[in-house]
């Protein structure tokens, strides 16, 4: 399956979920906002939200500062 991650094409296994993708990338859920096809996905739903062919996934890392 092919999808886009932060503007770059990426291949993934069928049935891949957002939670599994984050684990694969070594990213912590607490520090990210995740959007699928332009809609923010609640953290509680990441584990069960599948990524489909052609989906647009955006990961935004929270940064503190002032």
PDB file of N, CA and C in Angstrom:
ATOM      1  N   UNK A   1       0.847  -1.166   0.000  1.00  0.00           N
ATOM      2  CA  UNK A   1       0.000   0.000   0.000  1.00  0.00           C
ATOM      3  C   UNK A   1       0.901   1.239   0.000  1.00  0.00           C
ATOM      4  N   UNK A   2       0.466   2.272  -0.682  1.00  0.00           N
ATOM      5  CA  UNK A   2       1.245   3.517  -0.768  1.00  0.00           C
ATOM      6  C   UNK A   2       0.418   4.667  -0.199  1.00  0.00           C
ATOM      7  N   UNK A   3       1.061   5.466   0.636  1.00  0.00           N
ATOM      8  CA  UNK A   3       0.435   6.646   1.224  1.00  0.00           C
ATOM      9  C   UNK A   3       1.467   7.757   1.278  1.00  0.00           C
ATOM     10  N   UNK A   4       1.045   8.936   1.701  1.00  0.00           N
ATOM     11  CA  UNK A   4       1.965  10.072   1.802  1.00  0.00           C
ATOM     12  C   UNK A   4       2.135  10.443   3.272  1.00  0.00           C
ATOM     13  N   UNK A   5       3.375  10.585   3.689  1.00  0.00           N
ATOM     14  CA  UNK A   5       3.695  10.956   5.062  1.00  0.00           C
ATOM     15  C   UNK A   5       4.463  12.270   5.033  1.00  0.00           C
ATOM     16  N   UNK A   6       3.841  13.319   5.560  1.00  0.00           N
ATOM     17  CA  UNK A   6       4.446  14.657   5.571  1.00  0.00           C
ATOM     18  C   UNK A   6       4.977  15.048   4.193  1.00  0.00           C
ATOM     19  N   UNK A   7       4.172  14.772   3.168  1.00  0.00           N
ATOM     20  CA  UNK A   7       4.502  15.188   1.812  1.00  0.00           C
ATOM     21  C   UNK A   7       5.374  14.241   1.022  1.00  0.00           C
ATOM     22  N   UNK A   8       5.855  13.157   1.638  1.00  0.00           N
ATOM     23  CA  UNK A   8       6.724  12.210   0.946  1.00  0.00           C
ATOM     24  C   UNK A   8       6.011  10.870   0.760  1.00  0.00           C
ATOM     25  N   UNK A   9       6.098  10.286  -0.433  1.00  0.00           N
ATOM     26  CA  UNK A   9       5.478   8.983  -0.646  1.00  0.00           C
ATOM     27  C   UNK A   9       6.140   7.919   0.223  1.00  0.00           C
ATOM     28  N   UNK A  10       5.317   6.982   0.690  1.00  0.00           N
ATOM     29  CA  UNK A  10       5.826   5.919   1.567  1.00  0.00           C
ATOM     30  C   UNK A  10       5.015   4.653   1.321  1.00  0.00           C
ATOM     31  N   UNK A  11       5.675   3.517   1.414  1.00  0.00           N
ATOM     32  CA  UNK A  11       5.009   2.228   1.306  1.00  0.00           C
ATOM     33  C   UNK A  11       4.796   1.663   2.697  1.00  0.00           C
ATOM     34  N   UNK A  12       3.684   0.950   2.860  1.00  0.00           N
ATOM     35  CA  UNK A  12       3.391   0.310   4.136  1.00  0.00           C
ATOM     36  C   UNK A  12       2.607  -0.969   3.910  1.00  0.00           C
ATOM     37  N   UNK A  13       2.604  -1.809   4.907  1.00  0.00           N
ATOM     38  CA  UNK A  13       1.883  -3.079   4.838  1.00  0.00           C
ATOM     39  C   UNK A  13       0.381  -2.829   4.904  1.00  0.00           C
ATOM     40  N   UNK A  14      -0.384  -3.658   4.220  1.00  0.00           N
ATOM     41  CA  UNK A  14      -1.839  -3.587   4.341  1.00  0.00           C
ATOM     42  C   UNK A  14      -2.222  -3.789   5.803  1.00  0.00           C
ATOM     43  N   UNK A  15      -3.183  -3.022   6.278  1.00  0.00           N
ATOM     44  CA  UNK A  15      -3.626  -3.131   7.663  1.00  0.00           C
ATOM     45  C   UNK A  15      -2.826  -2.280   8.639  1.00  0.00           C
ATOM     46  N   UNK A  16      -1.855  -1.518   8.141  1.00  0.00           N
ATOM     47  CA  UNK A  16      -1.050  -0.649   9.002  1.00  0.00           C
ATOM     48  C   UNK A  16      -1.946   0.396   9.654  1.00  0.00           C
ATOM     49  N   UNK A  17      -1.789   0.584  10.953  1.00  0.00           N
ATOM     50  CA  UNK A  17      -2.541   1.618  11.669  1.00  0.00           C
ATOM     51  C   UNK A  17      -1.624   2.798  11.955  1.00  0.00           C
ATOM     52  N   UNK A  18      -2.233   3.920  12.297  1.00  0.00           N
ATOM     53  CA  UNK A  18      -1.430   5.090  12.655  1.00  0.00           C
ATOM     54  C   UNK A  18      -0.541   4.788  13.856  1.00  0.00           C
ATOM     55  N   UNK A  19      -1.085   4.088  14.841  1.00  0.00           N
ATOM     56  CA  UNK A  19      -0.293   3.733  16.020  1.00  0.00           C
ATOM     57  C   UNK A  19       0.909   2.879  15.670  1.00  0.00           C
ATOM     58  N   UNK A  20       0.719   1.900  14.788  1.00  0.00           N
ATOM     59  CA  UNK A  20       1.823   1.039  14.368  1.00  0.00           C
ATOM     60  C   UNK A  20       2.866   1.833  13.585  1.00  0.00           C
ATOM     61  N   UNK A  21       2.413   2.772  12.771  1.00  0.00           N
ATOM     62  CA  UNK A  21       3.346   3.624  12.036  1.00  0.00           C
ATOM     63  C   UNK A  21       4.208   4.436  12.992  1.00  0.00           C
ATOM     64  N   UNK A  22       3.588   5.024  14.001  1.00  0.00           N
ATOM     65  CA  UNK A  22       4.347   5.812  14.978  1.00  0.00           C
ATOM     66  C   UNK A  22       5.373   4.944  15.699  1.00  0.00           C
ATOM     67  N   UNK A  23       4.986   3.724  16.053  1.00  0.00           N
ATOM     68  CA  UNK A  23       5.913   2.795  16.700  1.00  0.00           C
ATOM     69  C   UNK A  23       7.070   2.465  15.762  1.00  0.00           C
ATOM     70  N   UNK A  24       6.740   2.186  14.501  1.00  0.00           N
ATOM     71  CA  UNK A  24       7.752   1.879  13.495  1.00  0.00           C
ATOM     72  C   UNK A  24       8.752   3.024  13.343  1.00  0.00           C
ATOM     73  N   UNK A  25       8.254   4.251  13.444  1.00  0.00           N
ATOM     74  CA  UNK A  25       9.113   5.428  13.309  1.00  0.00           C
ATOM     75  C   UNK A  25       9.823   5.803  14.606  1.00  0.00           C
ATOM     76  N   UNK A  26       9.484   5.121  15.705  1.00  0.00           N
ATOM     77  CA  UNK A  26      10.106   5.410  17.000  1.00  0.00           C
ATOM     78  C   UNK A  26       9.650   6.719  17.610  1.00  0.00           C
ATOM     79  N   UNK A  27       8.401   7.118  17.319  1.00  0.00           N
ATOM     80  CA  UNK A  27       7.878   8.396  17.810  1.00  0.00           C
ATOM     81  C   UNK A  27       6.912   8.183  18.961  1.00  0.00           C
ATOM     82  N   UNK A  28       6.930   9.111  19.906  1.00  0.00           N
ATOM     83  CA  UNK A  28       6.022   9.066  21.057  1.00  0.00           C
ATOM     84  C   UNK A  28       4.744   9.820  20.734  1.00  0.00           C
ATOM     85  N   UNK A  29       3.636   9.197  21.010  1.00  0.00           N
ATOM     86  CA  UNK A  29       2.321   9.771  20.737  1.00  0.00           C
ATOM     87  C   UNK A  29       2.107  11.070  21.507  1.00  0.00           C
ATOM     88  N   UNK A  30       2.630  11.157  22.700  1.00  0.00           N
ATOM     89  CA  UNK A  30       2.392  12.316  23.569  1.00  0.00           C
ATOM     90  C   UNK A  30       2.930  13.610  22.975  1.00  0.00           C
ATOM     91  N   UNK A  31       3.913  13.520  22.109  1.00  0.00           N
ATOM     92  CA  UNK A  31       4.565  14.719  21.583  1.00  0.00           C
ATOM     93  C   UNK A  31       4.101  15.081  20.174  1.00  0.00           C
ATOM     94  N   UNK A  32       3.032  14.425  19.685  1.00  0.00           N
ATOM     95  CA  UNK A  32       2.621  14.611  18.295  1.00  0.00           C
ATOM     96  C   UNK A  32       1.152  14.943  18.146  1.00  0.00           C
ATOM     97  N   UNK A  33       0.856  15.627  17.064  1.00  0.00           N
ATOM     98  CA  UNK A  33      -0.509  15.734  16.566  1.00  0.00           C
ATOM     99  C   UNK A  33      -0.499  14.997  15.231  1.00  0.00           C
ATOM    100  N   UNK A  34      -1.528  14.191  14.996  1.00  0.00           N
ATOM    101  CA  UNK A  34      -1.591  13.375  13.789  1.00  0.00           C
ATOM    102  C   UNK A  34      -2.861  13.721  13.024  1.00  0.00           C
ATOM    103  N   UNK A  35      -2.707  13.965  11.725  1.00  0.00           N
ATOM    104  CA  UNK A  35      -3.863  14.226  10.861  1.00  0.00           C
ATOM    105  C   UNK A  35      -3.871  13.202   9.738  1.00  0.00           C
ATOM    106  N   UNK A  36      -5.066  12.734   9.408  1.00  0.00           N
ATOM    107  CA  UNK A  36      -5.261  11.809   8.294  1.00  0.00           C
ATOM    108  C   UNK A  36      -6.225  12.475   7.325  1.00  0.00           C
ATOM    109  N   UNK A  37      -5.771  12.702   6.116  1.00  0.00           N
ATOM    110  CA  UNK A  37      -6.586  13.348   5.082  1.00  0.00           C
ATOM    111  C   UNK A  37      -7.196  14.660   5.571  1.00  0.00           C
ATOM    112  N   UNK A  38      -6.391  15.426   6.314  1.00  0.00           N
ATOM    113  CA  UNK A  38      -6.803  16.754   6.754  1.00  0.00           C
ATOM    114  C   UNK A  38      -7.582  16.816   8.047  1.00  0.00           C
ATOM    115  N   UNK A  39      -7.898  15.676   8.645  1.00  0.00           N
ATOM    116  CA  UNK A  39      -8.655  15.655   9.909  1.00  0.00           C
ATOM    117  C   UNK A  39      -7.766  15.152  11.036  1.00  0.00           C
ATOM    118  N   UNK A  40      -7.734  15.888  12.137  1.00  0.00           N
ATOM    119  CA  UNK A  40      -6.941  15.479  13.293  1.00  0.00           C
ATOM    120  C   UNK A  40      -7.536  14.201  13.881  1.00  0.00           C
ATOM    121  N   UNK A  41      -6.657  13.251  14.180  1.00  0.00           N
ATOM    122  CA  UNK A  41      -7.075  11.977  14.759  1.00  0.00           C
ATOM    123  C   UNK A  41      -6.806  12.033  16.261  1.00  0.00           C
ATOM    124  N   UNK A  42      -7.824  11.790  17.091  1.00  0.00           N
ATOM    125  CA  UNK A  42      -7.610  11.797  18.544  1.00  0.00           C
ATOM    126  C   UNK A  42      -6.600  10.722  18.947  1.00  0.00           C
ATOM    127  N   UNK A  43      -5.799  11.020  19.952  1.00  0.00           N
ATOM    128  CA  UNK A  43      -4.771  10.071  20.401  1.00  0.00           C
ATOM    129  C   UNK A  43      -5.355   8.701  20.712  1.00  0.00           C
ATOM    130  N   UNK A  44      -6.515   8.675  21.344  1.00  0.00           N
ATOM    131  CA  UNK A  44      -7.128   7.399  21.724  1.00  0.00           C
ATOM    132  C   UNK A  44      -7.478   6.545  20.506  1.00  0.00           C
ATOM    133  N   UNK A  45      -7.623   7.157  19.342  1.00  0.00           N
ATOM    134  CA  UNK A  45      -8.018   6.425  18.140  1.00  0.00           C
ATOM    135  C   UNK A  45      -6.828   6.007  17.276  1.00  0.00           C
ATOM    136  N   UNK A  46      -5.620   6.421  17.617  1.00  0.00           N
ATOM    137  CA  UNK A  46      -4.462   6.127  16.766  1.00  0.00           C
ATOM    138  C   UNK A  46      -4.227   4.631  16.604  1.00  0.00           C
ATOM    139  N   UNK A  47      -4.415   3.876  17.673  1.00  0.00           N
ATOM    140  CA  UNK A  47      -4.139   2.441  17.646  1.00  0.00           C
ATOM    141  C   UNK A  47      -5.057   1.711  16.670  1.00  0.00           C
ATOM    142  N   UNK A  48      -6.269   2.190  16.509  1.00  0.00           N
ATOM    143  CA  UNK A  48      -7.241   1.481  15.675  1.00  0.00           C
ATOM    144  C   UNK A  48      -7.508   2.142  14.328  1.00  0.00           C
ATOM    145  N   UNK A  49      -6.907   3.291  14.062  1.00  0.00           N
ATOM    146  CA  UNK A  49      -7.171   3.992  12.798  1.00  0.00           C
ATOM    147  C   UNK A  49      -6.268   3.457  11.702  1.00  0.00           C
ATOM    148  N   UNK A  50      -6.867   2.810  10.689  1.00  0.00           N
ATOM    149  CA  UNK A  50      -6.049   2.240   9.612  1.00  0.00           C
ATOM    150  C   UNK A  50      -5.589   3.303   8.626  1.00  0.00           C
ATOM    151  N   UNK A  51      -4.468   3.026   7.990  1.00  0.00           N
ATOM    152  CA  UNK A  51      -3.982   3.851   6.894  1.00  0.00           C
ATOM    153  C   UNK A  51      -4.363   3.124   5.611  1.00  0.00           C
ATOM    154  N   UNK A  52      -4.978   3.838   4.689  1.00  0.00           N
ATOM    155  CA  UNK A  52      -5.400   3.231   3.429  1.00  0.00           C
ATOM    156  C   UNK A  52      -4.602   3.742   2.253  1.00  0.00           C
ATOM    157  N   UNK A  53      -4.748   3.063   1.154  1.00  0.00           N
ATOM    158  CA  UNK A  53      -4.094   3.446  -0.101  1.00  0.00           C
ATOM    159  C   UNK A  53      -4.412   4.902  -0.435  1.00  0.00           C
ATOM    160  N   UNK A  54      -3.361   5.705  -0.664  1.00  0.00           N
ATOM    161  CA  UNK A  54      -3.533   7.092  -1.064  1.00  0.00           C
ATOM    162  C   UNK A  54      -3.785   8.074   0.063  1.00  0.00           C
ATOM    163  N   UNK A  55      -3.842   7.593   1.309  1.00  0.00           N
ATOM    164  CA  UNK A  55      -4.079   8.503   2.432  1.00  0.00           C
ATOM    165  C   UNK A  55      -2.945   9.506   2.567  1.00  0.00           C
ATOM    166  N   UNK A  56      -3.291  10.683   3.068  1.00  0.00           N
ATOM    167  CA  UNK A  56      -2.334  11.751   3.355  1.00  0.00           C
ATOM    168  C   UNK A  56      -2.192  11.842   4.870  1.00  0.00           C
ATOM    169  N   UNK A  57      -1.025  11.506   5.391  1.00  0.00           N
ATOM    170  CA  UNK A  57      -0.779  11.535   6.826  1.00  0.00           C
ATOM    171  C   UNK A  57       0.196  12.664   7.130  1.00  0.00           C
ATOM    172  N   UNK A  58      -0.155  13.476   8.116  1.00  0.00           N
ATOM    173  CA  UNK A  58       0.722  14.562   8.567  1.00  0.00           C
ATOM    174  C   UNK A  58       1.014  14.371  10.045  1.00  0.00           C
ATOM    175  N   UNK A  59       2.280  14.416  10.397  1.00  0.00           N
ATOM    176  CA  UNK A  59       2.715  14.350  11.788  1.00  0.00           C
ATOM    177  C   UNK A  59       3.306  15.701  12.153  1.00  0.00           C
ATOM    178  N   UNK A  60       2.812  16.281  13.230  1.00  0.00           N
ATOM    179  CA  UNK A  60       3.300  17.575  13.684  1.00  0.00           C
ATOM    180  C   UNK A  60       3.813  17.404  15.107  1.00  0.00           C
ATOM    181  N   UNK A  61       5.066  17.719  15.311  1.00  0.00           N
ATOM    182  CA  UNK A  61       5.688  17.580  16.616  1.00  0.00           C
ATOM    183  C   UNK A  61       5.486  18.851  17.425  1.00  0.00           C
ATOM    184  N   UNK A  62       5.040  18.686  18.655  1.00  0.00           N
ATOM    185  CA  UNK A  62       4.862  19.822  19.543  1.00  0.00           C
ATOM    186  C   UNK A  62       6.224  20.344  19.997  1.00  0.00           C
ATOM    187  N   UNK A  63       6.396  21.660  19.937  1.00  0.00           N
ATOM    188  CA  UNK A  63       7.652  22.289  20.340  1.00  0.00           C
ATOM    189  C   UNK A  63       7.327  23.417  21.313  1.00  0.00           C
ATOM    190  N   UNK A  64       8.005  23.400  22.446  1.00  0.00           N
ATOM    191  CA  UNK A  64       7.804  24.462  23.428  1.00  0.00           C
ATOM    192  C   UNK A  64       8.797  25.590  23.206  1.00  0.00           C
ATOM    193  N   UNK A  65       8.501  26.712  23.737  1.00  0.00           N
ATOM    194  CA  UNK A  65       9.418  27.835  23.614  1.00  0.00           C
ATOM    195  C   UNK A  65       8.674  29.143  23.761  1.00  0.00           C
ATOM    196  N   UNK A  66       9.389  30.180  23.626  1.00  0.00           N
ATOM    197  CA  UNK A  66       8.712  31.448  23.781  1.00  0.00           C
ATOM    198  C   UNK A  66       9.425  32.586  23.136  1.00  0.00           C
TER     199      UNK A  66
END
